[in-house]
């Protein structure tokens, strides 16, 4: 026979875990989506590097080191922006790490709940599957964010190479360096955006399960706590008893009273 107090406590633990993970997962999805949109808007920044390379090739009257200096300043600004983006990616990852911890605790409490009940019920089985699916989606999104970090690193290193290049390089060498930095930064930024969109999709795809898990865990906890405080026999009403029909009696008394005036 199960211990009703333990059942209620474990059910509450599951509900608390889901409640704690829910805003973190939603915040992470919103943050990743916002960063991806920001990258799309800032794509022109990286494109300016290609324009500098074109000037080195075409503007023969301008010394290559003059154009290189302009390219270096732009590269430095792009690098700083990517650094800020990396910090924001870290914030999103921390949210998901916390969500993972909460879901892990919720899974442990769920397992103890089913053990205490003597096995799974249809309600606990469904909730358990949702918790597993949510944990998997969060883990997959974390993988995309780790990949995003790598993309940022590649792009920043290519820009750093340009920023610290030798100003005495010849025209062809200068053009090659700027184009190389542009290509690597462009491809890295595009890949970064893809990873952020992938993380967003993986999380948002599980929003229905997240809402359902919240509803189901709350209902389970309420039912478990209700079992601790059943309605006393003295307050229980037998179906069809007179105590269930006071309003009907009053409705029948009303017209009679009027007729007897």
Protein backbone atom coordinates (compact mmCIF):
# COMPACT_ATOMS: atom_id res chain seq x y z
CA UNK A 1 0.00 0.00 0.00
CA UNK A 2 1.38 3.41 -0.95
CA UNK A 3 2.18 6.14 1.54
CA UNK A 4 -0.14 9.03 0.62
CA UNK A 5 2.21 11.62 2.13
CA UNK A 6 5.16 10.40 0.04
CA UNK A 7 3.01 10.28 -3.07
CA UNK A 8 1.90 13.86 -2.48
CA UNK A 9 5.47 15.03 -1.85
CA UNK A 10 6.88 13.35 -4.94
CA UNK A 11 4.04 14.70 -7.08
CA UNK A 12 4.74 18.20 -5.76
CA UNK A 13 8.42 17.80 -6.55
CA UNK A 14 7.59 16.91 -10.14
CA UNK A 15 5.30 19.92 -10.45
CA UNK A 16 7.95 22.23 -8.97
CA UNK A 17 10.61 20.93 -11.36
CA UNK A 18 8.43 21.50 -14.42
CA UNK A 19 7.42 24.95 -13.18
CA UNK A 20 11.06 25.91 -12.70
CA UNK A 21 12.18 24.58 -16.10
CA UNK A 22 9.33 26.09 -18.11
CA UNK A 23 10.35 29.80 -18.07
CA UNK A 24 14.02 28.90 -18.61
CA UNK A 25 13.24 26.90 -21.74
CA UNK A 26 10.99 29.62 -23.13
CA UNK A 27 13.56 32.31 -22.35
CA UNK A 28 16.28 30.31 -24.11
CA UNK A 29 14.14 29.86 -27.22
CA UNK A 30 13.33 33.57 -27.32
CA UNK A 31 16.98 34.52 -26.81
CA UNK A 32 18.29 32.20 -29.52
CA UNK A 33 15.66 33.43 -31.97
CA UNK A 34 16.51 37.06 -31.22
CA UNK A 35 20.23 36.47 -31.74
CA UNK A 36 19.60 34.78 -35.08
CA UNK A 37 17.53 37.74 -36.24
CA UNK A 38 20.25 40.12 -35.05
CA UNK A 39 22.86 38.27 -37.10
CA UNK A 40 20.68 38.53 -40.19
CA UNK A 41 20.37 42.28 -39.69
CA UNK A 42 24.10 42.74 -39.17
CA UNK A 43 25.20 40.78 -42.22
CA UNK A 44 26.14 44.00 -44.04
CA UNK A 45 28.93 44.61 -41.51
CA UNK A 46 30.86 41.59 -42.72
CA UNK A 47 30.10 42.42 -46.36
CA UNK A 48 32.09 45.64 -45.98
CA UNK A 49 35.26 43.57 -45.79
CA UNK A 50 34.66 42.33 -49.32
CA UNK A 51 34.26 45.94 -50.42
CA UNK A 52 37.66 46.75 -48.91
CA UNK A 53 39.22 43.85 -50.81
CA UNK A 54 37.65 45.11 -54.04
CA UNK A 55 39.13 48.57 -53.41
CA UNK A 56 42.59 47.11 -52.90
CA UNK A 57 42.28 45.46 -56.31
CA UNK A 58 40.61 48.33 -58.18
CA UNK A 59 41.73 51.59 -56.51
CA UNK A 60 45.33 51.57 -57.67
CA UNK A 61 45.79 55.20 -56.77
CA UNK A 62 45.25 54.39 -53.06
CA UNK A 63 48.01 52.73 -51.07
CA UNK A 64 46.99 49.19 -49.98
CA UNK A 65 47.98 49.87 -46.36
CA UNK A 66 45.48 52.76 -46.25
CA UNK A 67 42.64 50.48 -47.28
CA UNK A 68 43.95 47.76 -45.00
CA UNK A 69 43.77 50.10 -42.01
CA UNK A 70 40.08 50.76 -42.75
CA UNK A 71 39.46 47.03 -43.13
CA UNK A 72 41.21 46.37 -39.82
CA UNK A 73 39.01 48.89 -38.00
CA UNK A 74 35.87 47.31 -39.44
CA UNK A 75 37.13 43.83 -38.59
CA UNK A 76 37.79 44.93 -35.03
CA UNK A 77 34.20 46.20 -34.72
CA UNK A 78 32.77 42.97 -36.14
CA UNK A 79 34.93 40.95 -33.79
CA UNK A 80 33.66 42.93 -30.80
CA UNK A 81 30.07 42.32 -31.89
CA UNK A 82 30.71 38.60 -32.22
CA UNK A 83 32.27 38.62 -28.76
CA UNK A 84 29.06 40.14 -27.36
CA UNK A 85 27.06 37.53 -29.25
CA UNK A 86 29.21 34.82 -27.66
CA UNK A 87 28.38 36.21 -24.22
CA UNK A 88 24.68 36.10 -25.04
CA UNK A 89 25.01 32.51 -26.26
CA UNK A 90 26.65 31.67 -22.93
CA UNK A 91 23.68 33.19 -21.08
CA UNK A 92 21.26 31.07 -23.10
CA UNK A 93 23.32 27.96 -22.43
CA UNK A 94 23.25 28.67 -18.70
CA UNK A 95 19.46 28.87 -18.83
CA UNK A 96 19.34 25.50 -20.53
CA UNK A 97 21.80 24.00 -18.07
CA UNK A 98 19.51 25.08 -15.22
CA UNK A 99 16.48 23.72 -17.09
CA UNK A 100 18.31 20.42 -17.51
CA UNK A 101 18.99 20.26 -13.78
CA UNK A 102 15.32 20.90 -12.98
CA UNK A 103 14.13 18.30 -15.48
CA UNK A 104 16.62 15.79 -14.09
CA UNK A 105 15.29 16.37 -10.57
CA UNK A 106 11.76 16.11 -11.89
CA UNK A 107 12.61 12.80 -13.52
CA UNK A 108 14.01 11.45 -10.26
CA UNK A 109 10.91 12.53 -8.35
CA UNK A 110 8.71 11.00 -11.05
CA UNK A 111 10.52 7.67 -10.76
CA UNK A 112 10.08 7.70 -6.96
CA UNK A 113 6.41 8.57 -7.40
CA UNK A 114 5.80 5.57 -9.64
CA UNK A 115 7.75 3.34 -7.27
CA UNK A 116 5.59 4.50 -4.38
CA UNK A 117 2.44 3.89 -6.41
CA UNK A 118 3.61 0.37 -7.20
CA UNK A 119 4.05 1.10 -10.89
CA UNK A 120 3.05 3.50 -13.63
CA UNK A 121 -0.48 4.75 -14.07
CA UNK A 122 -1.77 6.13 -17.39
CA UNK A 123 -1.31 9.65 -16.01
CA UNK A 124 2.21 9.17 -14.65
CA UNK A 125 3.31 7.22 -17.72
CA UNK A 126 2.28 10.03 -20.07
CA UNK A 127 3.93 12.66 -17.90
CA UNK A 128 7.11 10.61 -17.70
CA UNK A 129 7.32 10.44 -21.49
CA UNK A 130 6.89 14.20 -21.74
CA UNK A 131 9.69 14.79 -19.23
CA UNK A 132 12.00 12.50 -21.21
CA UNK A 133 11.14 14.23 -24.49
CA UNK A 134 11.68 17.68 -22.98
CA UNK A 135 15.05 16.69 -21.55
CA UNK A 136 16.09 15.34 -24.95
CA UNK A 137 15.05 18.54 -26.73
CA UNK A 138 16.94 20.70 -24.25
CA UNK A 139 20.05 18.55 -24.65
CA UNK A 140 19.80 18.80 -28.45
CA UNK A 141 19.44 22.58 -28.24
CA UNK A 142 22.51 22.73 -26.00
CA UNK A 143 24.43 20.82 -28.67
CA UNK A 144 23.46 23.45 -31.25
CA UNK A 145 24.63 26.22 -28.92
CA UNK A 146 27.99 24.54 -28.34
CA UNK A 147 28.37 24.35 -32.12
CA UNK A 148 27.41 28.03 -32.30
CA UNK A 149 30.24 28.84 -29.89
CA UNK A 150 32.69 27.07 -32.17
CA UNK A 151 31.44 29.06 -35.16
CA UNK A 152 31.93 32.30 -33.27
CA UNK A 153 35.49 31.27 -32.39
CA UNK A 154 36.38 30.51 -36.01
CA UNK A 155 34.96 33.82 -37.24
CA UNK A 156 36.68 35.83 -34.51
CA UNK A 157 40.05 34.19 -35.14
CA UNK A 158 39.88 35.06 -38.84
CA UNK A 159 39.09 38.67 -37.98
CA UNK A 160 41.86 38.78 -35.38
CA UNK A 161 44.35 37.60 -38.00
CA UNK A 162 43.33 40.53 -40.16
CA UNK A 163 43.45 43.04 -37.31
CA UNK A 164 47.01 42.04 -36.43
CA UNK A 165 48.31 41.70 -40.01
CA UNK A 166 51.44 43.43 -41.33
CA UNK A 167 50.63 46.85 -42.83
CA UNK A 168 53.60 46.51 -45.18
CA UNK A 169 51.98 43.69 -47.17
CA UNK A 170 51.90 44.13 -50.96
CA UNK A 171 48.68 44.81 -52.85
CA UNK A 172 47.95 41.21 -53.83
CA UNK A 173 48.79 39.96 -50.34
CA UNK A 174 46.59 42.60 -48.73
CA UNK A 175 43.65 41.72 -50.96
CA UNK A 176 44.08 38.03 -50.19
CA UNK A 177 44.16 38.60 -46.43
CA UNK A 178 41.03 40.75 -46.46
CA UNK A 179 39.13 38.32 -48.68
CA UNK A 180 40.16 35.38 -46.51
CA UNK A 181 38.93 37.15 -43.38
CA UNK A 182 35.69 38.09 -45.12
CA UNK A 183 34.99 34.57 -46.37
CA UNK A 184 35.71 32.89 -43.04
CA UNK A 185 33.75 35.47 -41.02
CA UNK A 186 30.82 35.35 -43.45
CA UNK A 187 30.63 31.55 -43.44
CA UNK A 188 31.12 31.40 -39.68
CA UNK A 189 28.39 33.95 -39.06
CA UNK A 190 26.00 32.13 -41.40
CA UNK A 191 26.71 28.82 -39.65
CA UNK A 192 26.22 30.54 -36.30
CA UNK A 193 22.80 31.76 -37.40
CA UNK A 194 21.88 28.26 -38.56
CA UNK A 195 22.81 26.76 -35.19
CA UNK A 196 20.81 29.41 -33.32
CA UNK A 197 17.76 28.79 -35.51
CA UNK A 198 18.18 25.07 -34.98
CA UNK A 199 18.27 25.52 -31.20
CA UNK A 200 15.17 27.72 -31.38
CA UNK A 201 13.25 25.17 -33.45
CA UNK A 202 14.19 22.27 -31.17
CA UNK A 203 12.89 24.14 -28.13
CA UNK A 204 9.78 25.66 -29.66
CA UNK A 205 8.78 22.30 -31.10
CA UNK A 206 8.39 21.08 -27.52
CA UNK A 207 6.34 24.04 -26.24
CA UNK A 208 3.07 22.02 -26.47
CA UNK A 209 4.65 19.21 -24.42
CA UNK A 210 5.97 21.79 -21.97
CA UNK A 211 2.49 23.25 -21.45
CA UNK A 212 0.96 19.79 -21.18
CA UNK A 213 3.58 18.68 -18.65
CA UNK A 214 2.83 21.75 -16.56
CA UNK A 215 -0.90 21.04 -16.64
CA UNK A 216 -0.52 17.33 -15.97
CA UNK A 217 1.99 17.71 -13.15
CA UNK A 218 -0.23 20.31 -11.47
CA UNK A 219 -3.28 18.07 -11.75
CA UNK A 220 -1.33 15.11 -10.40
CA UNK A 221 -0.08 17.10 -7.42
CA UNK A 222 -3.56 18.42 -6.65
CA UNK A 223 -5.05 14.95 -6.80
CA UNK A 224 -2.32 13.55 -4.56
CA UNK A 225 -2.83 16.29 -1.96
CA UNK A 226 -6.60 15.90 -2.15
CA UNK A 227 -6.15 12.25 -1.16
CA UNK A 228 -4.55 13.45 2.07
CA UNK A 229 -7.66 15.43 2.99
CA UNK A 230 -10.73 13.47 1.94
CA UNK A 231 -14.17 14.94 2.67
CA UNK A 232 -15.24 13.87 6.19
CA UNK A 233 -18.22 11.52 6.31
CA UNK A 234 -20.14 14.13 8.29
CA UNK A 235 -19.86 16.50 5.31
CA UNK A 236 -20.54 13.98 2.62
CA UNK A 237 -23.94 14.30 0.92
CA UNK A 238 -25.91 11.28 -0.21
CA UNK A 239 -27.03 11.69 -3.85
CA UNK A 240 -30.64 12.80 -4.01
CA UNK A 241 -30.81 13.84 -0.34
CA UNK A 242 -32.85 16.82 0.77
CA UNK A 243 -29.67 18.77 1.58
CA UNK A 244 -28.87 18.78 -2.12
CA UNK A 245 -32.20 20.41 -2.99
CA UNK A 246 -32.60 23.53 -0.83
CA UNK A 247 -32.83 25.87 -3.78
CA UNK A 248 -35.52 23.75 -5.40
CA UNK A 249 -37.52 23.75 -2.19
CA UNK A 250 -37.23 27.49 -1.91
CA UNK A 251 -38.35 27.91 -5.49
CA UNK A 252 -41.48 25.86 -4.80
CA UNK A 253 -42.20 27.75 -1.56
CA UNK A 254 -42.01 31.14 -3.23
CA UNK A 255 -45.05 30.92 -5.53
CA UNK A 256 -47.10 29.15 -2.84
CA UNK A 257 -46.41 31.97 -0.42
CA UNK A 258 -47.56 34.48 -3.00
CA UNK A 259 -50.76 32.57 -3.66
CA UNK A 260 -51.58 32.37 0.09
CA UNK A 261 -51.37 36.11 0.61
